[in-house]
C-alpha atoms as a PDB file:
ATOM      1  CA  MET A   1     192.276 109.753  54.783  1.00  0.00           C
ATOM      2  CA  LYS A   2     195.603 109.380  52.834  1.00  0.00           C
ATOM      3  CA  VAL A   3     195.406 110.332  48.944  1.00  0.00           C
ATOM      4  CA  ARG A   4     198.311 109.120  46.947  1.00  0.00           C
ATOM      5  CA  LYS A   5     200.107 111.550  44.990  1.00  0.00           C
ATOM      6  CA  ARG A   6     198.569 109.805  41.650  1.00  0.00           C
ATOM      7  CA  PHE A   7     195.131 111.529  42.879  1.00  0.00           C
ATOM      8  CA  PHE A   8     197.024 114.948  42.752  1.00  0.00           C
ATOM      9  CA  MET A   9     198.687 114.197  39.281  1.00  0.00           C
ATOM     10  CA  GLU A  10     195.228 113.181  38.101  1.00  0.00           C
ATOM     11  CA  ALA A  11     193.407 116.294  39.312  1.00  0.00           C
ATOM     12  CA  GLY A  12     195.617 118.601  38.109  1.00  0.00           C
ATOM     13  CA  LEU A  13     196.054 116.940  34.321  1.00  0.00           C
ATOM     14  CA  ALA A  14     192.172 117.466  34.414  1.00  0.00           C
ATOM     15  CA  VAL A  15     192.207 121.126  35.787  1.00  0.00           C
ATOM     16  CA  ALA A  16     194.905 122.001  33.131  1.00  0.00           C
ATOM     17  CA  PHE A  17     193.026 120.136  29.733  1.00  0.00           C
ATOM     18  CA  ALA A  18     190.007 121.988  31.303  1.00  0.00           C
ATOM     19  CA  ILE A  19     191.340 125.096  31.003  1.00  0.00           C
ATOM     20  CA  THR A  20     192.930 124.489  27.529  1.00  0.00           C
ATOM     21  CA  PHE A  21     189.417 123.106  26.091  1.00  0.00           C
ATOM     22  CA  LEU A  22     187.538 125.946  27.387  1.00  0.00           C
ATOM     23  CA  ILE A  23     190.081 128.624  25.917  1.00  0.00           C
ATOM     24  CA  THR A  24     190.307 126.689  23.007  1.00  0.00           C
ATOM     25  CA  PHE A  25     186.107 126.428  22.752  1.00  0.00           C
ATOM     26  CA  LEU A  26     185.772 129.847  23.133  1.00  0.00           C
ATOM     27  CA  TRP A  27     188.798 131.395  21.362  1.00  0.00           C
ATOM     28  CA  PRO A  28     189.950 128.409  18.561  1.00  0.00           C
ATOM     29  CA  ASP A  29     191.948 130.659  16.504  1.00  0.00           C
ATOM     30  CA  TRP A  30     194.820 130.925  19.883  1.00  0.00           C
ATOM     31  CA  ILE A  31     196.171 127.520  18.166  1.00  0.00           C
ATOM     32  CA  GLU A  32     196.904 129.233  14.691  1.00  0.00           C
ATOM     33  CA  LEU A  33     198.368 132.388  16.428  1.00  0.00           C
ATOM     34  CA  ALA A  34     200.744 130.362  19.143  1.00  0.00           C
ATOM     35  CA  PHE A  35     202.011 127.675  16.464  1.00  0.00           C
ATOM     36  CA  ASP A  36     201.970 130.127  13.352  1.00  0.00           C
ATOM     37  CA  ALA A  37     200.170 127.077  11.576  1.00  0.00           C
ATOM     38  CA  ASN A  38     196.841 126.797   9.770  1.00  0.00           C
ATOM     39  CA  PRO A  39     195.967 122.924   9.149  1.00  0.00           C
ATOM     40  CA  ASP A  40     192.473 123.299   8.051  1.00  0.00           C
ATOM     41  CA  GLN A  41     192.812 126.276   5.865  1.00  0.00           C
ATOM     42  CA  GLY A  42     190.171 128.457   8.334  1.00  0.00           C
ATOM     43  CA  SER A  43     187.486 125.773   8.164  1.00  0.00           C
ATOM     44  CA  GLY A  44     187.756 125.499  12.207  1.00  0.00           C
ATOM     45  CA  GLU A  45     187.652 121.502  11.963  1.00  0.00           C
ATOM     46  CA  ALA A  46     190.744 120.891  13.360  1.00  0.00           C
ATOM     47  CA  GLU A  47     190.080 123.383  16.006  1.00  0.00           C
ATOM     48  CA  TRP A  48     186.910 121.502  16.704  1.00  0.00           C
ATOM     49  CA  GLY A  49     188.789 118.282  16.786  1.00  0.00           C
ATOM     50  CA  ILE A  50     191.246 119.453  19.295  1.00  0.00           C
ATOM     51  CA  ALA A  51     188.588 121.108  21.602  1.00  0.00           C
ATOM     52  CA  ALA A  52     186.913 117.493  21.428  1.00  0.00           C
ATOM     53  CA  ILE A  53     189.826 115.808  22.119  1.00  0.00           C
ATOM     54  CA  LEU A  54     190.485 117.971  25.069  1.00  0.00           C
ATOM     55  CA  GLY A  55     187.495 117.603  26.523  1.00  0.00           C
ATOM     56  CA  LEU A  56     187.552 114.043  26.648  1.00  0.00           C
ATOM     57  CA  ILE A  57     191.032 113.682  28.361  1.00  0.00           C
ATOM     58  CA  THR A  58     189.462 115.976  30.688  1.00  0.00           C
ATOM     59  CA  ILE A  59     186.934 113.630  31.337  1.00  0.00           C
ATOM     60  CA  LEU A  60     189.054 110.947  31.819  1.00  0.00           C
ATOM     61  CA  CYS A  61     191.602 112.482  33.811  1.00  0.00           C
ATOM     62  CA  SER A  62     188.784 113.775  35.935  1.00  0.00           C
ATOM     63  CA  THR A  63     187.272 110.293  36.192  1.00  0.00           C
ATOM     64  CA  LEU A  64     190.708 108.882  36.942  1.00  0.00           C
ATOM     65  CA  ALA A  65     191.091 111.427  39.865  1.00  0.00           C
ATOM     66  CA  ARG A  66     187.385 110.441  41.468  1.00  0.00           C
ATOM     67  CA  ILE A  67     188.325 107.000  41.575  1.00  0.00           C
ATOM     68  CA  GLU A  68     191.583 107.384  43.341  1.00  0.00           C
ATOM     69  CA  TRP A  69     189.644 109.839  45.610  1.00  0.00           C
ATOM     70  CA  ARG A  70     187.106 106.862  46.359  1.00  0.00           C
ATOM     71  CA  ARG A  71     189.689 104.454  47.026  1.00  0.00           C
ATOM     72  CA  ALA A  72     191.734 106.714  49.458  1.00  0.00           C
ATOM     73  CA  ARG A  73     187.940 107.324  51.372  1.00  0.00           C
ATOM     74  CA  ARG A  74     187.154 103.763  51.321  1.00  0.00           C
ATOM     75  CA  LEU A  75     190.547 102.603  52.634  1.00  0.00           C
ATOM     76  CA  GLY A  76     190.139 105.278  55.380  1.00  0.00           C
ATOM     77  CA  SER A  77     187.118 104.181  56.497  1.00  0.00           C
ATOM     78  CA  GLU A  78     188.391 100.756  56.968  1.00  0.00           C
ATOM     79  CA  ALA A  79     191.051 101.826  59.112  1.00  0.00           C
ATOM     80  CA  PRO A  80     190.663 100.643  62.708  1.00  0.00           C
ATOM     81  CA  ASN A  81     190.164 103.373  65.241  1.00  0.00           C
ATOM     82  CA  VAL A  82     192.715 103.434  67.772  1.00  0.00           C
END
C-alpha cells in the first residue's frame, strides 16, 4: 500500500490542530498571554470560538486523512499479485 504525501500532511495538520484545540480548551488564557491581546474583555467568548474552530478544523483534517488512507488501501488491494 502506497500512501501519498497528502495523507501525511492532512494527518500532521489534524494532530497539530488537535493539540492546539486541547490547549485552548484546557487553558484558554494562553491566547491572551501569547498575543498580549484581550479581544473579549475577559468574557471568554473569543477563546471558546477559537476552540470551536480548531475542533472543526481537526475533524476536517482527520476526515480528509482517513479518506486518503482508505483510497490507498483500496488501490493497494486492487493491485495484481505478482
